[in-house]
Amino acid sequence: MRPCSRPRSEILLRAVALALVCAGLLSLAVWPAAAQVTPEQRQQIEAIVHDYLMKNPEVLLDALQAAEDKMKGEARDKAAQMLVQRRQEIYSDPMTPVGGNPQGDVSLVEFFDYRCPYCKQVEPSIEALGRDDRQLRLVFKEFPVLGPESVTAARAALAARKQGKYDAFHTAMMAAKGQISDTVVYNVAGSVGLDLDRLKRDMASPEIDQMLKDNLALAEDLDIHGTPAFIIGSQIVPGAVDIGTLKQLIADARAR
């Protein structure tokens, strides 16, 4: 059951009115001592608040900015806690595809979507890092957030792993140009030698359903809502960062 709570509008009204009382902008005679606000008192409070905010709109802007900053701070704190609590799922989930050096000393985790142009933009940097840094471990978190076709592609990628062709399919999908449709997904799968009948059967498995649900839940806990997003050491890095930044983050994680 949901806990009992006051309507948000009532809470906001009383909070603003109390703030105005403290600022000396609202008479204490207007502020009701009892829990209930009479219609006349409500009308008077609303009029005073309205007039004040119309004359001082920066007050509302400051309040909104403060609320946004508070929410972002709380999200960062939660994400930092989750990096510790969910470390096993982030770095060592046996169902998550791994590239580079599986025994490497630093892991670069990427949440990505095959339909994301920014993921494709950063892919050459990821491939270069995997080739050049022999101690880098790559962790691929399928995070299909851009529609049904993204889900099809993610399912196909995870199913391709059962035929030992995740890497080949992943690389080919990242290189695919134009709009990604189900047809494109299956054409790419065929081009890298996947058995399409087996692939489609494997794509429908409950195991893959659960893997995608787990990735979505993990991303939510880490305050990751878009692609690409990277985790390196204790850092969560959103967006398509350049290879120089990635190298520096990897070096920092290695030094620690």
Protein backbone atom coordinates (compact mmCIF):
# COMPACT_ATOMS: atom_id res chain seq x y z
CA MET A 1 0.00 0.00 0.00
CA ARG A 2 1.11 3.55 -0.66
CA PRO A 3 1.80 5.66 2.44
CA CYS A 4 -0.65 8.41 3.27
CA SER A 5 0.55 11.83 2.17
CA ARG A 6 -0.78 15.30 1.59
CA PRO A 7 -1.47 16.39 -1.99
CA ARG A 8 1.66 17.93 -3.53
CA SER A 9 -0.20 21.21 -4.22
CA GLU A 10 -1.09 21.56 -0.54
CA ILE A 11 2.48 20.88 0.54
CA LEU A 12 3.84 23.39 -1.97
CA LEU A 13 1.35 26.08 -0.99
CA ARG A 14 2.09 25.78 2.71
CA ALA A 15 5.86 25.63 2.12
CA VAL A 16 5.85 28.77 -0.03
CA ALA A 17 3.58 30.59 2.39
CA LEU A 18 5.77 29.65 5.34
CA ALA A 19 8.85 30.87 3.48
CA LEU A 20 7.11 34.18 2.85
CA VAL A 21 6.19 34.44 6.53
CA CYS A 22 9.84 33.92 7.44
CA ALA A 23 10.84 36.58 4.93
CA GLY A 24 8.35 39.01 6.41
CA LEU A 25 6.33 39.11 3.22
CA LEU A 26 3.23 37.46 4.64
CA SER A 27 1.45 38.40 7.83
CA LEU A 28 1.37 35.81 10.60
CA ALA A 29 -2.30 36.62 10.92
CA VAL A 30 -2.80 35.08 7.52
CA TRP A 31 -0.79 31.97 8.30
CA PRO A 32 -3.21 29.52 9.92
CA ALA A 33 -2.24 27.91 13.18
CA ALA A 34 -4.60 25.03 12.59
CA ALA A 35 -3.89 22.24 10.12
CA GLN A 36 -6.75 23.27 7.85
CA VAL A 37 -6.59 26.23 5.49
CA THR A 38 -9.94 27.96 5.02
CA PRO A 39 -11.00 29.00 1.52
CA GLU A 40 -10.60 32.67 2.47
CA GLN A 41 -7.11 32.09 3.87
CA ARG A 42 -6.11 30.06 0.82
CA GLN A 43 -7.31 32.82 -1.51
CA GLN A 44 -5.39 35.46 0.43
CA ILE A 45 -2.19 33.38 0.51
CA GLU A 46 -2.43 32.57 -3.19
CA ALA A 47 -2.93 36.24 -4.07
CA ILE A 48 0.08 37.36 -2.04
CA VAL A 49 2.28 34.56 -3.38
CA HIS A 50 1.17 35.27 -6.95
CA ASP A 51 1.87 39.01 -6.67
CA TYR A 52 5.25 38.42 -5.06
CA LEU A 53 6.39 35.89 -7.66
CA MET A 54 5.21 38.08 -10.52
CA LYS A 55 7.34 40.93 -9.16
CA ASN A 56 10.26 38.67 -8.24
CA PRO A 57 10.36 35.79 -10.78
CA GLU A 58 14.01 35.13 -9.93
CA VAL A 59 12.81 33.66 -6.62
CA LEU A 60 11.00 30.89 -8.46
CA LEU A 61 13.94 30.33 -10.80
CA ASP A 62 16.30 30.09 -7.83
CA ALA A 63 13.98 27.61 -6.12
CA LEU A 64 13.75 25.47 -9.24
CA GLN A 65 17.53 25.53 -9.67
CA ALA A 66 18.02 24.58 -6.04
CA ALA A 67 15.57 21.71 -6.41
CA GLU A 68 17.31 20.50 -9.57
CA ASP A 69 20.72 20.69 -7.90
CA LYS A 70 19.40 18.75 -4.92
CA MET A 71 17.96 16.03 -7.14
CA LYS A 72 21.20 15.75 -9.12
CA GLY A 73 23.22 15.57 -5.93
CA GLU A 74 21.01 12.84 -4.54
CA ALA A 75 21.26 10.93 -7.84
CA ARG A 76 25.07 11.19 -7.78
CA ASP A 77 25.19 9.97 -4.19
CA LYS A 78 22.95 7.03 -5.00
CA ALA A 79 24.99 6.16 -8.09
CA ALA A 80 28.21 6.22 -6.04
CA GLN A 81 26.66 3.83 -3.53
CA MET A 82 25.44 1.57 -6.31
CA LEU A 83 28.91 1.42 -7.85
CA VAL A 84 30.03 -0.26 -4.66
CA GLN A 85 26.93 -2.34 -3.93
CA ARG A 86 26.45 -3.57 -7.51
CA ARG A 87 30.12 -4.05 -8.35
CA GLN A 88 29.68 -7.75 -9.11
CA GLU A 89 26.89 -7.08 -11.62
CA ILE A 90 28.77 -4.19 -13.22
CA TYR A 91 32.10 -5.90 -13.74
CA SER A 92 31.73 -9.65 -13.26
CA ASP A 93 28.29 -10.76 -14.41
CA PRO A 94 29.03 -14.06 -16.19
CA MET A 95 26.20 -13.40 -18.66
CA THR A 96 27.67 -10.08 -19.83
CA PRO A 97 29.85 -10.17 -22.98
CA VAL A 98 33.50 -9.26 -22.40
CA GLY A 99 36.13 -8.20 -24.93
CA GLY A 100 39.72 -7.03 -24.94
CA ASN A 101 41.75 -8.90 -22.34
CA PRO A 102 39.30 -10.78 -20.07
CA GLN A 103 42.04 -10.87 -17.41
CA GLY A 104 42.96 -7.21 -17.80
CA ASP A 105 43.79 -4.97 -14.86
CA VAL A 106 41.24 -2.24 -15.74
CA SER A 107 37.67 -2.64 -17.01
CA LEU A 108 35.92 -0.22 -19.35
CA VAL A 109 32.17 -0.79 -19.10
CA GLU A 110 29.93 0.61 -21.85
CA PHE A 111 26.14 0.91 -21.84
CA PHE A 112 25.14 1.27 -25.49
CA ASP A 113 22.40 0.98 -28.08
CA TYR A 114 23.01 -0.15 -31.67
CA ARG A 115 20.72 2.62 -32.97
CA CYS A 116 22.58 5.35 -31.10
CA PRO A 117 24.65 7.50 -33.48
CA TYR A 118 26.89 8.64 -30.62
CA CYS A 119 27.68 5.02 -29.75
CA LYS A 120 28.72 4.48 -33.37
CA GLN A 121 30.76 7.68 -33.24
CA VAL A 122 32.79 6.49 -30.25
CA GLU A 123 33.11 2.86 -31.43
CA PRO A 124 36.40 3.36 -33.34
CA SER A 125 37.94 4.69 -30.12
CA ILE A 126 36.75 1.64 -28.19
CA GLU A 127 38.16 -0.68 -30.84
CA ALA A 128 41.48 1.19 -30.85
CA LEU A 129 41.74 0.98 -27.07
CA GLY A 130 41.02 -2.75 -27.19
CA ARG A 131 43.79 -3.26 -29.76
CA ASP A 132 46.41 -1.02 -28.23
CA ASP A 133 45.96 -1.55 -24.51
CA ARG A 134 46.76 -5.20 -23.84
CA GLN A 135 45.63 -4.94 -20.22
CA LEU A 136 42.21 -3.40 -20.91
CA ARG A 137 39.08 -5.42 -20.29
CA LEU A 138 35.96 -4.33 -22.22
CA VAL A 139 32.51 -5.01 -20.72
CA PHE A 140 29.52 -4.64 -23.05
CA LYS A 141 26.18 -3.77 -21.45
CA GLU A 142 23.36 -4.06 -23.98
CA PHE A 143 21.08 -1.12 -23.16
CA PRO A 144 18.35 -0.91 -25.84
CA VAL A 145 16.51 2.34 -25.08
CA LEU A 146 15.74 3.68 -28.56
CA GLY A 147 12.77 1.56 -29.58
CA PRO A 148 11.74 -1.96 -30.62
CA GLU A 149 14.46 -2.26 -33.27
CA SER A 150 17.07 -1.59 -30.58
CA VAL A 151 15.62 -4.45 -28.55
CA THR A 152 15.77 -6.77 -31.56
CA ALA A 153 19.43 -5.86 -32.13
CA ALA A 154 20.32 -6.37 -28.47
CA ARG A 155 18.55 -9.73 -28.39
CA ALA A 156 20.37 -10.82 -31.54
CA ALA A 157 23.72 -9.78 -30.10
CA LEU A 158 23.20 -11.74 -26.89
CA ALA A 159 21.90 -14.74 -28.85
CA ALA A 160 24.94 -14.55 -31.17
CA ARG A 161 27.09 -15.23 -28.14
CA LYS A 162 25.68 -18.74 -28.02
CA GLN A 163 27.19 -19.33 -31.47
CA GLY A 164 30.51 -17.78 -30.47
CA LYS A 165 29.98 -14.74 -32.68
CA TYR A 166 29.14 -11.89 -30.33
CA ASP A 167 32.26 -9.90 -31.21
CA ALA A 168 31.73 -10.28 -34.95
CA PHE A 169 28.06 -9.33 -34.76
CA HIS A 170 28.73 -6.40 -32.42
CA THR A 171 31.42 -4.95 -34.67
CA ALA A 172 29.28 -5.36 -37.80
CA MET A 173 26.23 -3.79 -36.15
CA MET A 174 28.26 -0.81 -34.98
CA ALA A 175 29.52 -0.37 -38.54
CA ALA A 176 26.03 -0.61 -40.09
CA LYS A 177 24.95 2.62 -41.77
CA GLY A 178 21.51 4.21 -41.96
CA GLN A 179 18.39 3.24 -40.08
CA ILE A 180 18.51 -0.01 -38.13
CA SER A 181 15.49 -2.22 -38.76
CA ASP A 182 14.80 -5.86 -37.92
CA THR A 183 15.71 -6.71 -41.52
CA VAL A 184 19.06 -4.98 -41.17
CA VAL A 185 19.72 -6.87 -37.92
CA TYR A 186 19.12 -10.24 -39.58
CA ASN A 187 21.10 -9.27 -42.68
CA VAL A 188 24.06 -8.36 -40.48
CA ALA A 189 23.66 -11.60 -38.56
CA GLY A 190 23.73 -13.59 -41.79
CA SER A 191 26.76 -11.67 -43.04
CA VAL A 192 28.87 -12.79 -40.06
CA GLY A 193 27.88 -16.43 -40.47
CA LEU A 194 25.19 -16.82 -37.83
CA ASP A 195 22.60 -19.58 -38.20
CA LEU A 196 19.47 -17.39 -38.41
CA ASP A 197 16.97 -20.08 -37.41
CA ARG A 198 18.94 -20.90 -34.28
CA LEU A 199 19.54 -17.20 -33.63
CA LYS A 200 15.82 -16.42 -33.66
CA ARG A 201 15.06 -19.29 -31.30
CA ASP A 202 17.76 -18.17 -28.91
CA MET A 203 16.60 -14.54 -29.08
CA ALA A 204 13.25 -15.58 -27.60
CA SER A 205 14.76 -17.29 -24.56
CA PRO A 206 13.74 -16.17 -21.04
CA GLU A 207 17.43 -15.91 -20.24
CA ILE A 208 17.87 -13.04 -22.67
CA ASP A 209 14.69 -11.39 -21.37
CA GLN A 210 16.21 -11.42 -17.90
CA MET A 211 19.58 -10.13 -19.05
CA LEU A 212 18.02 -7.07 -20.66
CA LYS A 213 15.80 -6.41 -17.64
CA ASP A 214 18.83 -6.64 -15.37
CA ASN A 215 20.77 -4.17 -17.51
CA LEU A 216 17.89 -1.69 -17.50
CA ALA A 217 17.51 -1.97 -13.73
CA LEU A 218 21.25 -1.59 -13.19
CA ALA A 219 21.35 1.51 -15.39
CA GLU A 220 18.45 3.03 -13.44
CA ASP A 221 20.26 2.48 -10.14
CA LEU A 222 23.39 4.07 -11.59
CA ASP A 223 21.43 7.10 -12.88
CA ILE A 224 22.27 6.15 -16.48
CA HIS A 225 19.46 7.18 -18.80
CA GLY A 226 21.14 7.59 -22.17
CA THR A 227 23.78 6.12 -24.43
CA PRO A 228 26.65 5.80 -24.56
CA ALA A 229 27.64 5.77 -20.91
CA PHE A 230 30.88 4.44 -19.49
CA ILE A 231 32.07 3.19 -16.13
CA ILE A 232 35.81 3.29 -15.47
CA GLY A 233 37.00 2.62 -11.96
CA SER A 234 34.84 4.79 -9.71
CA GLN A 235 33.75 7.12 -12.52
CA ILE A 236 30.46 7.13 -14.45
CA VAL A 237 31.01 9.06 -17.66
CA PRO A 238 27.99 9.89 -19.85
CA GLY A 239 28.22 10.75 -23.53
CA ALA A 240 30.53 10.14 -26.46
CA VAL A 241 33.85 11.15 -24.92
CA ASP A 242 37.01 11.32 -27.02
CA ILE A 243 39.76 8.71 -26.93
CA GLY A 244 42.14 11.02 -25.08
CA THR A 245 39.68 11.37 -22.20
CA LEU A 246 39.10 7.61 -22.11
CA LYS A 247 42.85 6.95 -22.02
CA GLN A 248 43.26 9.37 -19.14
CA LEU A 249 40.41 7.81 -17.18
CA ILE A 250 41.87 4.35 -17.76
CA ALA A 251 45.30 5.55 -16.62
CA ASP A 252 43.77 7.10 -13.51
CA ALA A 253 41.94 3.87 -12.69
CA ARG A 254 45.11 1.86 -13.26
CA ALA A 255 47.10 4.16 -10.98
CA ARG A 256 44.57 3.65 -8.18
